[in-house]
């Protein structure tokens, strides 16, 4: 019997070749409840890009100020 590494989960990362019954039992409910409609990109999301952009600009401005201040006042 050959032992095969299939993934890095701690509880099932080495199984016997051809012996996937434990994995099938473990993930059977997830496989039965899977729907293709829920498997794509989630389009119902809010926009946080503007907030992150403002924070980035504030950070860059603060770093620029600190650089100029440090250079002038040594």
PDB file of N, CA and C in Angstrom:
ATOM      1  N   UNK A   1       0.837  -1.168   0.000  1.00  0.00           N
ATOM      2  CA  UNK A   1       0.000   0.000   0.000  1.00  0.00           C
ATOM      3  C   UNK A   1       0.889   1.241   0.000  1.00  0.00           C
ATOM      4  N   UNK A   2       0.605   2.150  -0.884  1.00  0.00           N
ATOM      5  CA  UNK A   2       1.402   3.356  -1.038  1.00  0.00           C
ATOM      6  C   UNK A   2       0.758   4.506  -0.270  1.00  0.00           C
ATOM      7  N   UNK A   3       1.560   5.287   0.469  1.00  0.00           N
ATOM      8  CA  UNK A   3       1.073   6.454   1.201  1.00  0.00           C
ATOM      9  C   UNK A   3       1.325   7.687   0.352  1.00  0.00           C
ATOM     10  N   UNK A   4       0.314   8.540   0.228  1.00  0.00           N
ATOM     11  CA  UNK A   4       0.394   9.712  -0.633  1.00  0.00           C
ATOM     12  C   UNK A   4       0.076  10.950   0.182  1.00  0.00           C
ATOM     13  N   UNK A   5       0.832  12.033   0.012  1.00  0.00           N
ATOM     14  CA  UNK A   5       0.528  13.308   0.643  1.00  0.00           C
ATOM     15  C   UNK A   5      -0.380  14.087  -0.292  1.00  0.00           C
ATOM     16  N   UNK A   6      -1.577  14.503   0.199  1.00  0.00           N
ATOM     17  CA  UNK A   6      -2.489  15.200  -0.702  1.00  0.00           C
ATOM     18  C   UNK A   6      -2.719  16.649  -0.337  1.00  0.00           C
ATOM     19  N   UNK A   7      -2.654  17.030   0.914  1.00  0.00           N
ATOM     20  CA  UNK A   7      -2.782  18.428   1.288  1.00  0.00           C
ATOM     21  C   UNK A   7      -2.162  18.625   2.657  1.00  0.00           C
ATOM     22  N   UNK A   8      -2.173  19.858   3.150  1.00  0.00           N
ATOM     23  CA  UNK A   8      -1.442  20.163   4.371  1.00  0.00           C
ATOM     24  C   UNK A   8      -2.330  20.385   5.585  1.00  0.00           C
ATOM     25  N   UNK A   9      -3.601  19.912   5.549  1.00  0.00           N
ATOM     26  CA  UNK A   9      -4.413  19.967   6.768  1.00  0.00           C
ATOM     27  C   UNK A   9      -3.790  19.051   7.808  1.00  0.00           C
ATOM     28  N   UNK A  10      -3.834  19.452   9.063  1.00  0.00           N
ATOM     29  CA  UNK A  10      -3.189  18.671  10.108  1.00  0.00           C
ATOM     30  C   UNK A  10      -3.864  17.319  10.331  1.00  0.00           C
ATOM     31  N   UNK A  11      -5.169  17.224  10.092  1.00  0.00           N
ATOM     32  CA  UNK A  11      -5.853  15.990  10.424  1.00  0.00           C
ATOM     33  C   UNK A  11      -5.969  14.993   9.280  1.00  0.00           C
ATOM     34  N   UNK A  12      -5.663  15.379   8.047  1.00  0.00           N
ATOM     35  CA  UNK A  12      -5.786  14.415   6.948  1.00  0.00           C
ATOM     36  C   UNK A  12      -4.696  14.595   5.907  1.00  0.00           C
ATOM     37  N   UNK A  13      -3.503  14.887   6.330  1.00  0.00           N
ATOM     38  CA  UNK A  13      -2.544  15.193   5.296  1.00  0.00           C
ATOM     39  C   UNK A  13      -1.787  14.012   4.741  1.00  0.00           C
ATOM     40  N   UNK A  14      -1.932  12.833   5.322  1.00  0.00           N
ATOM     41  CA  UNK A  14      -1.416  11.614   4.716  1.00  0.00           C
ATOM     42  C   UNK A  14      -2.531  10.582   4.700  1.00  0.00           C
ATOM     43  N   UNK A  15      -2.882  10.111   3.527  1.00  0.00           N
ATOM     44  CA  UNK A  15      -3.906   9.076   3.420  1.00  0.00           C
ATOM     45  C   UNK A  15      -3.374   7.954   2.541  1.00  0.00           C
ATOM     46  N   UNK A  16      -4.049   6.827   2.584  1.00  0.00           N
ATOM     47  CA  UNK A  16      -3.663   5.718   1.736  1.00  0.00           C
ATOM     48  C   UNK A  16      -4.216   5.948   0.347  1.00  0.00           C
ATOM     49  N   UNK A  17      -3.422   5.564  -0.657  1.00  0.00           N
ATOM     50  CA  UNK A  17      -3.866   5.729  -2.031  1.00  0.00           C
ATOM     51  C   UNK A  17      -5.126   4.909  -2.249  1.00  0.00           C
ATOM     52  N   UNK A  18      -6.134   5.515  -2.816  1.00  0.00           N
ATOM     53  CA  UNK A  18      -7.391   4.824  -3.067  1.00  0.00           C
ATOM     54  C   UNK A  18      -8.304   4.789  -1.861  1.00  0.00           C
ATOM     55  N   UNK A  19      -7.871   5.269  -0.715  1.00  0.00           N
ATOM     56  CA  UNK A  19      -8.679   5.212   0.495  1.00  0.00           C
ATOM     57  C   UNK A  19      -9.208   6.567   0.885  1.00  0.00           C
ATOM     58  N   UNK A  20     -10.041   7.165   0.068  1.00  0.00           N
ATOM     59  CA  UNK A  20     -10.560   8.512   0.316  1.00  0.00           C
ATOM     60  C   UNK A  20     -11.865   8.514   1.096  1.00  0.00           C
ATOM     61  N   UNK A  21     -12.272   7.381   1.666  1.00  0.00           N
ATOM     62  CA  UNK A  21     -13.561   7.311   2.364  1.00  0.00           C
ATOM     63  C   UNK A  21     -13.621   8.259   3.548  1.00  0.00           C
ATOM     64  N   UNK A  22     -12.504   8.400   4.279  1.00  0.00           N
ATOM     65  CA  UNK A  22     -12.492   9.320   5.418  1.00  0.00           C
ATOM     66  C   UNK A  22     -12.692  10.758   4.965  1.00  0.00           C
ATOM     67  N   UNK A  23     -12.041  11.132   3.874  1.00  0.00           N
ATOM     68  CA  UNK A  23     -12.200  12.495   3.360  1.00  0.00           C
ATOM     69  C   UNK A  23     -13.606  12.716   2.823  1.00  0.00           C
ATOM     70  N   UNK A  24     -14.149  11.715   2.153  1.00  0.00           N
ATOM     71  CA  UNK A  24     -15.518  11.859   1.646  1.00  0.00           C
ATOM     72  C   UNK A  24     -16.497  12.053   2.787  1.00  0.00           C
ATOM     73  N   UNK A  25     -16.321  11.300   3.862  1.00  0.00           N
ATOM     74  CA  UNK A  25     -17.215  11.441   5.010  1.00  0.00           C
ATOM     75  C   UNK A  25     -17.026  12.797   5.684  1.00  0.00           C
ATOM     76  N   UNK A  26     -15.780  13.252   5.751  1.00  0.00           N
ATOM     77  CA  UNK A  26     -15.485  14.519   6.420  1.00  0.00           C
ATOM     78  C   UNK A  26     -16.113  15.708   5.687  1.00  0.00           C
ATOM     79  N   UNK A  27     -16.068  15.697   4.372  1.00  0.00           N
ATOM     80  CA  UNK A  27     -16.526  16.843   3.575  1.00  0.00           C
ATOM     81  C   UNK A  27     -17.852  16.588   2.864  1.00  0.00           C
ATOM     82  N   UNK A  28     -18.568  15.518   3.228  1.00  0.00           N
ATOM     83  CA  UNK A  28     -19.797  15.162   2.530  1.00  0.00           C
ATOM     84  C   UNK A  28     -20.858  16.258   2.636  1.00  0.00           C
ATOM     85  N   UNK A  29     -21.031  16.829   3.815  1.00  0.00           N
ATOM     86  CA  UNK A  29     -22.037  17.887   3.984  1.00  0.00           C
ATOM     87  C   UNK A  29     -21.678  19.125   3.158  1.00  0.00           C
ATOM     88  N   UNK A  30     -20.393  19.499   3.143  1.00  0.00           N
ATOM     89  CA  UNK A  30     -19.970  20.650   2.339  1.00  0.00           C
ATOM     90  C   UNK A  30     -20.207  20.398   0.851  1.00  0.00           C
ATOM     91  N   UNK A  31     -19.927  19.179   0.395  1.00  0.00           N
ATOM     92  CA  UNK A  31     -20.112  18.857  -1.022  1.00  0.00           C
ATOM     93  C   UNK A  31     -21.586  18.841  -1.393  1.00  0.00           C
ATOM     94  N   UNK A  32     -22.438  18.359  -0.491  1.00  0.00           N
ATOM     95  CA  UNK A  32     -23.874  18.317  -0.787  1.00  0.00           C
ATOM     96  C   UNK A  32     -24.506  19.702  -0.778  1.00  0.00           C
ATOM     97  N   UNK A  33     -23.969  20.627   0.023  1.00  0.00           N
ATOM     98  CA  UNK A  33     -24.517  21.982   0.113  1.00  0.00           C
ATOM     99  C   UNK A  33     -23.879  22.953  -0.870  1.00  0.00           C
ATOM    100  N   UNK A  34     -22.933  22.501  -1.675  1.00  0.00           N
ATOM    101  CA  UNK A  34     -22.230  23.378  -2.617  1.00  0.00           C
ATOM    102  C   UNK A  34     -23.164  23.788  -3.749  1.00  0.00           C
ATOM    103  N   UNK A  35     -23.157  25.073  -4.076  1.00  0.00           N
ATOM    104  CA  UNK A  35     -23.930  25.603  -5.199  1.00  0.00           C
ATOM    105  C   UNK A  35     -23.004  26.457  -6.045  1.00  0.00           C
ATOM    106  N   UNK A  36     -23.092  26.308  -7.346  1.00  0.00           N
ATOM    107  CA  UNK A  36     -22.226  27.056  -8.258  1.00  0.00           C
ATOM    108  C   UNK A  36     -22.491  28.547  -8.139  1.00  0.00           C
ATOM    109  N   UNK A  37     -23.730  28.929  -7.846  1.00  0.00           N
ATOM    110  CA  UNK A  37     -24.072  30.347  -7.735  1.00  0.00           C
ATOM    111  C   UNK A  37     -23.282  31.036  -6.624  1.00  0.00           C
ATOM    112  N   UNK A  38     -22.876  30.291  -5.595  1.00  0.00           N
ATOM    113  CA  UNK A  38     -22.156  30.866  -4.460  1.00  0.00           C
ATOM    114  C   UNK A  38     -20.645  30.732  -4.591  1.00  0.00           C
ATOM    115  N   UNK A  39     -20.158  30.226  -5.710  1.00  0.00           N
ATOM    116  CA  UNK A  39     -18.743  29.898  -5.828  1.00  0.00           C
ATOM    117  C   UNK A  39     -17.925  30.945  -6.584  1.00  0.00           C
ATOM    118  N   UNK A  40     -18.503  32.050  -6.970  1.00  0.00           N
ATOM    119  CA  UNK A  40     -17.770  33.040  -7.740  1.00  0.00           C
ATOM    120  C   UNK A  40     -17.338  34.223  -6.897  1.00  0.00           C
ATOM    121  N   UNK A  41     -17.108  35.328  -7.569  1.00  0.00           N
ATOM    122  CA  UNK A  41     -16.733  36.559  -6.898  1.00  0.00           C
ATOM    123  C   UNK A  41     -17.957  37.120  -6.190  1.00  0.00           C
ATOM    124  N   UNK A  42     -17.797  37.529  -4.964  1.00  0.00           N
ATOM    125  CA  UNK A  42     -18.893  38.130  -4.205  1.00  0.00           C
ATOM    126  C   UNK A  42     -19.063  39.573  -4.676  1.00  0.00           C
ATOM    127  N   UNK A  43     -20.155  39.837  -5.369  1.00  0.00           N
ATOM    128  CA  UNK A  43     -20.409  41.167  -5.934  1.00  0.00           C
ATOM    129  C   UNK A  43     -21.079  42.105  -4.939  1.00  0.00           C
ATOM    130  N   UNK A  44     -21.589  41.594  -3.821  1.00  0.00           N
ATOM    131  CA  UNK A  44     -22.278  42.422  -2.830  1.00  0.00           C
ATOM    132  C   UNK A  44     -21.289  42.918  -1.788  1.00  0.00           C
ATOM    133  N   UNK A  45     -20.368  43.770  -2.206  1.00  0.00           N
ATOM    134  CA  UNK A  45     -19.354  44.281  -1.295  1.00  0.00           C
ATOM    135  C   UNK A  45     -19.408  45.795  -1.287  1.00  0.00           C
ATOM    136  N   UNK A  46     -18.912  46.391  -0.208  1.00  0.00           N
ATOM    137  CA  UNK A  46     -18.841  47.844  -0.120  1.00  0.00           C
ATOM    138  C   UNK A  46     -17.488  48.333  -0.612  1.00  0.00           C
ATOM    139  N   UNK A  47     -17.435  49.590  -0.975  1.00  0.00           N
ATOM    140  CA  UNK A  47     -16.194  50.172  -1.467  1.00  0.00           C
ATOM    141  C   UNK A  47     -15.394  50.744  -0.303  1.00  0.00           C
ATOM    142  N   UNK A  48     -14.217  50.228  -0.075  1.00  0.00           N
ATOM    143  CA  UNK A  48     -13.317  50.763   0.949  1.00  0.00           C
ATOM    144  C   UNK A  48     -12.086  51.377   0.308  1.00  0.00           C
ATOM    145  N   UNK A  49     -12.037  51.413  -1.015  1.00  0.00           N
ATOM    146  CA  UNK A  49     -10.861  51.908  -1.712  1.00  0.00           C
ATOM    147  C   UNK A  49     -10.603  53.380  -1.429  1.00  0.00           C
ATOM    148  N   UNK A  50     -11.638  54.205  -1.372  1.00  0.00           N
ATOM    149  CA  UNK A  50     -11.470  55.638  -1.142  1.00  0.00           C
ATOM    150  C   UNK A  50     -10.873  55.881   0.244  1.00  0.00           C
ATOM    151  N   UNK A  51     -11.396  55.201   1.258  1.00  0.00           N
ATOM    152  CA  UNK A  51     -10.874  55.342   2.617  1.00  0.00           C
ATOM    153  C   UNK A  51      -9.405  54.924   2.677  1.00  0.00           C
ATOM    154  N   UNK A  52      -9.078  53.798   2.065  1.00  0.00           N
ATOM    155  CA  UNK A  52      -7.688  53.326   2.068  1.00  0.00           C
ATOM    156  C   UNK A  52      -6.775  54.286   1.305  1.00  0.00           C
ATOM    157  N   UNK A  53      -7.266  54.862   0.221  1.00  0.00           N
ATOM    158  CA  UNK A  53      -6.477  55.826  -0.541  1.00  0.00           C
ATOM    159  C   UNK A  53      -6.202  57.072   0.294  1.00  0.00           C
ATOM    160  N   UNK A  54      -7.204  57.553   1.018  1.00  0.00           N
ATOM    161  CA  UNK A  54      -7.008  58.719   1.883  1.00  0.00           C
ATOM    162  C   UNK A  54      -6.005  58.420   2.997  1.00  0.00           C
ATOM    163  N   UNK A  55      -6.094  57.239   3.579  1.00  0.00           N
ATOM    164  CA  UNK A  55      -5.119  56.849   4.609  1.00  0.00           C
ATOM    165  C   UNK A  55      -3.714  56.747   4.038  1.00  0.00           C
ATOM    166  N   UNK A  56      -3.594  56.227   2.830  1.00  0.00           N
ATOM    167  CA  UNK A  56      -2.281  56.143   2.180  1.00  0.00           C
ATOM    168  C   UNK A  56      -1.704  57.528   1.944  1.00  0.00           C
ATOM    169  N   UNK A  57      -2.521  58.445   1.429  1.00  0.00           N
ATOM    170  CA  UNK A  57      -2.045  59.805   1.188  1.00  0.00           C
ATOM    171  C   UNK A  57      -1.649  60.488   2.497  1.00  0.00           C
ATOM    172  N   UNK A  58      -2.428  60.281   3.560  1.00  0.00           N
ATOM    173  CA  UNK A  58      -2.087  60.862   4.859  1.00  0.00           C
ATOM    174  C   UNK A  58      -0.759  60.306   5.363  1.00  0.00           C
ATOM    175  N   UNK A  59      -0.541  59.014   5.202  1.00  0.00           N
ATOM    176  CA  UNK A  59       0.709  58.400   5.630  1.00  0.00           C
ATOM    177  C   UNK A  59       1.887  58.946   4.822  1.00  0.00           C
ATOM    178  N   UNK A  60       1.727  59.032   3.506  1.00  0.00           N
ATOM    179  CA  UNK A  60       2.812  59.553   2.662  1.00  0.00           C
ATOM    180  C   UNK A  60       3.096  61.008   3.005  1.00  0.00           C
ATOM    181  N   UNK A  61       2.042  61.813   3.240  1.00  0.00           N
ATOM    182  CA  UNK A  61       2.233  63.208   3.638  1.00  0.00           C
ATOM    183  C   UNK A  61       2.963  63.321   4.961  1.00  0.00           C
ATOM    184  N   UNK A  62       2.592  62.484   5.949  1.00  0.00           N
ATOM    185  CA  UNK A  62       3.258  62.514   7.253  1.00  0.00           C
ATOM    186  C   UNK A  62       4.720  62.091   7.124  1.00  0.00           C
ATOM    187  N   UNK A  63       4.997  61.109   6.295  1.00  0.00           N
ATOM    188  CA  UNK A  63       6.387  60.681   6.094  1.00  0.00           C
ATOM    189  C   UNK A  63       7.191  61.766   5.382  1.00  0.00           C
ATOM    190  N   UNK A  64       6.558  62.447   4.421  1.00  0.00           N
ATOM    191  CA  UNK A  64       7.238  63.556   3.740  1.00  0.00           C
ATOM    192  C   UNK A  64       7.539  64.684   4.703  1.00  0.00           C
ATOM    193  N   UNK A  65       6.557  65.021   5.546  1.00  0.00           N
ATOM    194  CA  UNK A  65       6.768  66.071   6.549  1.00  0.00           C
ATOM    195  C   UNK A  65       7.890  65.690   7.503  1.00  0.00           C
ATOM    196  N   UNK A  66       7.883  64.442   7.997  1.00  0.00           N
ATOM    197  CA  UNK A  66       8.912  63.994   8.915  1.00  0.00           C
ATOM    198  C   UNK A  66      10.285  64.004   8.254  1.00  0.00           C
ATOM    199  N   UNK A  67      10.352  63.684   6.984  1.00  0.00           N
ATOM    200  CA  UNK A  67      11.624  63.691   6.260  1.00  0.00           C
ATOM    201  C   UNK A  67      12.163  65.100   6.135  1.00  0.00           C
ATOM    202  N   UNK A  68      11.317  66.034   5.698  1.00  0.00           N
ATOM    203  CA  UNK A  68      11.751  67.432   5.562  1.00  0.00           C
ATOM    204  C   UNK A  68      12.138  68.013   6.903  1.00  0.00           C
ATOM    205  N   UNK A  69      11.322  67.776   7.944  1.00  0.00           N
ATOM    206  CA  UNK A  69      11.604  68.270   9.278  1.00  0.00           C
ATOM    207  C   UNK A  69      12.941  67.705   9.800  1.00  0.00           C
ATOM    208  N   UNK A  70      13.131  66.426   9.607  1.00  0.00           N
ATOM    209  CA  UNK A  70      14.370  65.783  10.049  1.00  0.00           C
ATOM    210  C   UNK A  70      15.583  66.301   9.291  1.00  0.00           C
ATOM    211  N   UNK A  71      15.447  66.546   8.002  1.00  0.00           N
ATOM    212  CA  UNK A  71      16.553  67.057   7.207  1.00  0.00           C
ATOM    213  C   UNK A  71      16.914  68.487   7.601  1.00  0.00           C
ATOM    214  N   UNK A  72      15.885  69.331   7.845  1.00  0.00           N
ATOM    215  CA  UNK A  72      16.145  70.727   8.191  1.00  0.00           C
ATOM    216  C   UNK A  72      16.646  70.904   9.614  1.00  0.00           C
ATOM    217  N   UNK A  73      16.181  70.112  10.540  1.00  0.00           N
ATOM    218  CA  UNK A  73      16.537  70.276  11.946  1.00  0.00           C
ATOM    219  C   UNK A  73      17.568  69.255  12.438  1.00  0.00           C
ATOM    220  N   UNK A  74      17.999  68.418  11.552  1.00  0.00           N
ATOM    221  CA  UNK A  74      19.063  67.453  11.793  1.00  0.00           C
ATOM    222  C   UNK A  74      19.049  66.814  13.103  1.00  0.00           C
TER     223      UNK A  74
END
